[in-house]
Amino acid sequence: MAQYLLVESKSPLEGGEHAFELAKQLRELRHNVTIYLVQDAVFAARKRFEAGEKLLAEAKTHNLTLLADEISLRQRGITKERLSEGVRVSNADELIDLLMEKSDKAIWH
């Protein structure tokens, strides 16, 4: 079982479902998967954003870890109160740790 880190940078309206689809496939193969949302991908983590709600529901069903970059959230005006349940705010330090030490494979989209 491998530890995957999938970094998604695109909004769910612009092809940002890629990481979620790949993550589901990897989980079915019994790998651990973390999805790290950066740039416009953080819109998926916003409460009541229809395109993101479906992705987050599927992520929860497949037991995926979801992290959202704090700077990307701040730049887009998404506060912790507007963040969907199951998504944790993260930062560059954690991303670097995940990339360098805590993941066997990383894919950036």
C-alpha atoms as a PDB file:
ATOM      1  CA  MET A   1       0.000   0.000   0.000  1.00  0.00           C
ATOM      2  CA  ALA A   2       1.443   3.330  -1.112  1.00  0.00           C
ATOM      3  CA  GLN A   3       0.876   6.821   0.256  1.00  0.00           C
ATOM      4  CA  TYR A   4      -0.274   9.187  -2.519  1.00  0.00           C
ATOM      5  CA  LEU A   5      -0.399  12.974  -2.471  1.00  0.00           C
ATOM      6  CA  LEU A   6      -2.586  14.519  -5.165  1.00  0.00           C
ATOM      7  CA  VAL A   7      -2.260  18.283  -5.479  1.00  0.00           C
ATOM      8  CA  GLU A   8      -5.168  19.849  -7.349  1.00  0.00           C
ATOM      9  CA  SER A   9      -4.980  23.439  -8.576  1.00  0.00           C
ATOM     10  CA  LYS A  10      -8.058  23.719 -10.811  1.00  0.00           C
ATOM     11  CA  SER A  11     -11.592  24.658  -9.861  1.00  0.00           C
ATOM     12  CA  PRO A  12     -14.231  21.908 -10.127  1.00  0.00           C
ATOM     13  CA  LEU A  13     -15.732  23.999 -12.940  1.00  0.00           C
ATOM     14  CA  GLU A  14     -12.462  23.893 -14.920  1.00  0.00           C
ATOM     15  CA  GLY A  15     -11.412  20.238 -14.701  1.00  0.00           C
ATOM     16  CA  GLY A  16     -10.595  20.140 -11.004  1.00  0.00           C
ATOM     17  CA  GLU A  17     -12.355  16.827 -10.493  1.00  0.00           C
ATOM     18  CA  HIS A  18      -9.287  15.007 -11.872  1.00  0.00           C
ATOM     19  CA  ALA A  19      -7.602  14.496  -8.494  1.00  0.00           C
ATOM     20  CA  PHE A  20     -10.837  13.273  -6.931  1.00  0.00           C
ATOM     21  CA  GLU A  21     -11.415  10.696  -9.686  1.00  0.00           C
ATOM     22  CA  LEU A  22      -7.839   9.431  -9.467  1.00  0.00           C
ATOM     23  CA  ALA A  23      -8.036   9.334  -5.671  1.00  0.00           C
ATOM     24  CA  LYS A  24     -11.142   7.135  -5.770  1.00  0.00           C
ATOM     25  CA  GLN A  25      -9.365   4.699  -8.084  1.00  0.00           C
ATOM     26  CA  LEU A  26      -6.302   4.609  -5.846  1.00  0.00           C
ATOM     27  CA  ARG A  27      -8.444   3.991  -2.740  1.00  0.00           C
ATOM     28  CA  GLU A  28     -10.132   1.082  -4.505  1.00  0.00           C
ATOM     29  CA  LEU A  29      -6.610  -0.352  -4.883  1.00  0.00           C
ATOM     30  CA  ARG A  30      -6.204   0.144  -1.108  1.00  0.00           C
ATOM     31  CA  HIS A  31      -3.731   3.029  -1.231  1.00  0.00           C
ATOM     32  CA  ASN A  32      -3.842   5.947   1.213  1.00  0.00           C
ATOM     33  CA  VAL A  33      -4.600   9.227  -0.525  1.00  0.00           C
ATOM     34  CA  THR A  34      -4.384  12.865   0.494  1.00  0.00           C
ATOM     35  CA  ILE A  35      -5.787  15.569  -1.770  1.00  0.00           C
ATOM     36  CA  TYR A  36      -4.213  18.986  -1.264  1.00  0.00           C
ATOM     37  CA  LEU A  37      -6.269  21.821  -2.755  1.00  0.00           C
ATOM     38  CA  VAL A  38      -4.385  24.926  -3.952  1.00  0.00           C
ATOM     39  CA  GLN A  39      -5.209  27.965  -6.068  1.00  0.00           C
ATOM     40  CA  ASP A  40      -8.719  27.748  -7.594  1.00  0.00           C
ATOM     41  CA  ALA A  41      -9.189  24.160  -6.396  1.00  0.00           C
ATOM     42  CA  VAL A  42     -10.016  25.519  -2.933  1.00  0.00           C
ATOM     43  CA  PHE A  43     -13.411  26.534  -4.310  1.00  0.00           C
ATOM     44  CA  ALA A  44     -14.319  22.831  -4.059  1.00  0.00           C
ATOM     45  CA  ALA A  45     -13.989  23.158  -0.279  1.00  0.00           C
ATOM     46  CA  ARG A  46     -16.473  26.022  -0.006  1.00  0.00           C
ATOM     47  CA  LYS A  47     -19.833  25.324   1.642  1.00  0.00           C
ATOM     48  CA  ARG A  48     -22.839  25.350  -0.660  1.00  0.00           C
ATOM     49  CA  PHE A  49     -20.763  25.273  -3.851  1.00  0.00           C
ATOM     50  CA  GLU A  50     -22.688  22.671  -5.837  1.00  0.00           C
ATOM     51  CA  ALA A  51     -19.791  21.524  -8.039  1.00  0.00           C
ATOM     52  CA  GLY A  52     -17.632  20.983  -4.963  1.00  0.00           C
ATOM     53  CA  GLU A  53     -20.255  19.376  -2.730  1.00  0.00           C
ATOM     54  CA  LYS A  54     -20.496  16.290  -4.932  1.00  0.00           C
ATOM     55  CA  LEU A  55     -16.715  15.871  -4.973  1.00  0.00           C
ATOM     56  CA  LEU A  56     -16.484  16.278  -1.199  1.00  0.00           C
ATOM     57  CA  ALA A  57     -19.276  13.763  -0.607  1.00  0.00           C
ATOM     58  CA  GLU A  58     -17.474  11.201  -2.762  1.00  0.00           C
ATOM     59  CA  ALA A  59     -14.198  11.961  -0.979  1.00  0.00           C
ATOM     60  CA  LYS A  60     -15.848  11.298   2.365  1.00  0.00           C
ATOM     61  CA  THR A  61     -17.340   8.036   1.086  1.00  0.00           C
ATOM     62  CA  HIS A  62     -13.882   6.890  -0.034  1.00  0.00           C
ATOM     63  CA  ASN A  63     -12.171   8.036   3.175  1.00  0.00           C
ATOM     64  CA  LEU A  64      -9.867  10.543   1.497  1.00  0.00           C
ATOM     65  CA  THR A  65      -7.889  13.132   3.441  1.00  0.00           C
ATOM     66  CA  LEU A  66      -8.673  16.643   2.196  1.00  0.00           C
ATOM     67  CA  LEU A  67      -6.441  19.639   2.864  1.00  0.00           C
ATOM     68  CA  ALA A  68      -6.910  23.215   1.632  1.00  0.00           C
ATOM     69  CA  ASP A  69      -4.075  25.701   1.333  1.00  0.00           C
ATOM     70  CA  GLU A  70      -4.544  28.595   3.748  1.00  0.00           C
ATOM     71  CA  ILE A  71      -3.091  31.233   1.413  1.00  0.00           C
ATOM     72  CA  SER A  72      -5.276  30.121  -1.499  1.00  0.00           C
ATOM     73  CA  LEU A  73      -8.321  30.224   0.776  1.00  0.00           C
ATOM     74  CA  ARG A  74      -7.480  33.709   2.042  1.00  0.00           C
ATOM     75  CA  GLN A  75      -6.859  35.040  -1.482  1.00  0.00           C
ATOM     76  CA  ARG A  76     -10.305  33.842  -2.532  1.00  0.00           C
ATOM     77  CA  GLY A  77     -12.125  35.095   0.560  1.00  0.00           C
ATOM     78  CA  ILE A  78     -12.978  31.652   1.909  1.00  0.00           C
ATOM     79  CA  THR A  79     -12.911  31.785   5.698  1.00  0.00           C
ATOM     80  CA  LYS A  80     -12.916  28.771   8.039  1.00  0.00           C
ATOM     81  CA  GLU A  81     -16.618  29.384   8.648  1.00  0.00           C
ATOM     82  CA  ARG A  82     -17.295  28.949   4.917  1.00  0.00           C
ATOM     83  CA  LEU A  83     -15.230  25.760   4.671  1.00  0.00           C
ATOM     84  CA  SER A  84     -17.050  22.458   4.227  1.00  0.00           C
ATOM     85  CA  GLU A  85     -16.904  19.814   6.905  1.00  0.00           C
ATOM     86  CA  GLY A  86     -14.151  17.283   6.344  1.00  0.00           C
ATOM     87  CA  VAL A  87     -11.669  19.732   4.831  1.00  0.00           C
ATOM     88  CA  ARG A  88      -8.755  20.826   6.982  1.00  0.00           C
ATOM     89  CA  VAL A  89      -6.813  24.069   6.458  1.00  0.00           C
ATOM     90  CA  SER A  90      -3.147  23.432   5.761  1.00  0.00           C
ATOM     91  CA  ASN A  91      -0.044  25.429   4.887  1.00  0.00           C
ATOM     92  CA  ALA A  92       3.112  25.284   2.793  1.00  0.00           C
ATOM     93  CA  ASP A  93       5.105  23.680   5.623  1.00  0.00           C
ATOM     94  CA  GLU A  94       2.742  20.718   5.723  1.00  0.00           C
ATOM     95  CA  LEU A  95       2.711  20.480   1.922  1.00  0.00           C
ATOM     96  CA  ILE A  96       6.503  20.322   1.869  1.00  0.00           C
ATOM     97  CA  ASP A  97       6.495  17.628   4.568  1.00  0.00           C
ATOM     98  CA  LEU A  98       3.977  15.636   2.567  1.00  0.00           C
ATOM     99  CA  LEU A  99       5.984  16.009  -0.636  1.00  0.00           C
ATOM    100  CA  MET A 100       9.374  15.258   0.863  1.00  0.00           C
ATOM    101  CA  GLU A 101       8.767  12.767   3.654  1.00  0.00           C
ATOM    102  CA  LYS A 102       5.227  11.499   4.022  1.00  0.00           C
ATOM    103  CA  SER A 103       4.264  10.434   0.496  1.00  0.00           C
ATOM    104  CA  ASP A 104       5.545   7.678  -1.733  1.00  0.00           C
ATOM    105  CA  LYS A 105       4.146   9.339  -4.836  1.00  0.00           C
ATOM    106  CA  ALA A 106       2.941  12.847  -5.612  1.00  0.00           C
ATOM    107  CA  ILE A 107       0.926  14.029  -8.599  1.00  0.00           C
ATOM    108  CA  TRP A 108       0.300  17.726  -9.266  1.00  0.00           C
ATOM    109  CA  HIS A 109      -2.595  18.765 -11.521  1.00  0.00           C
END
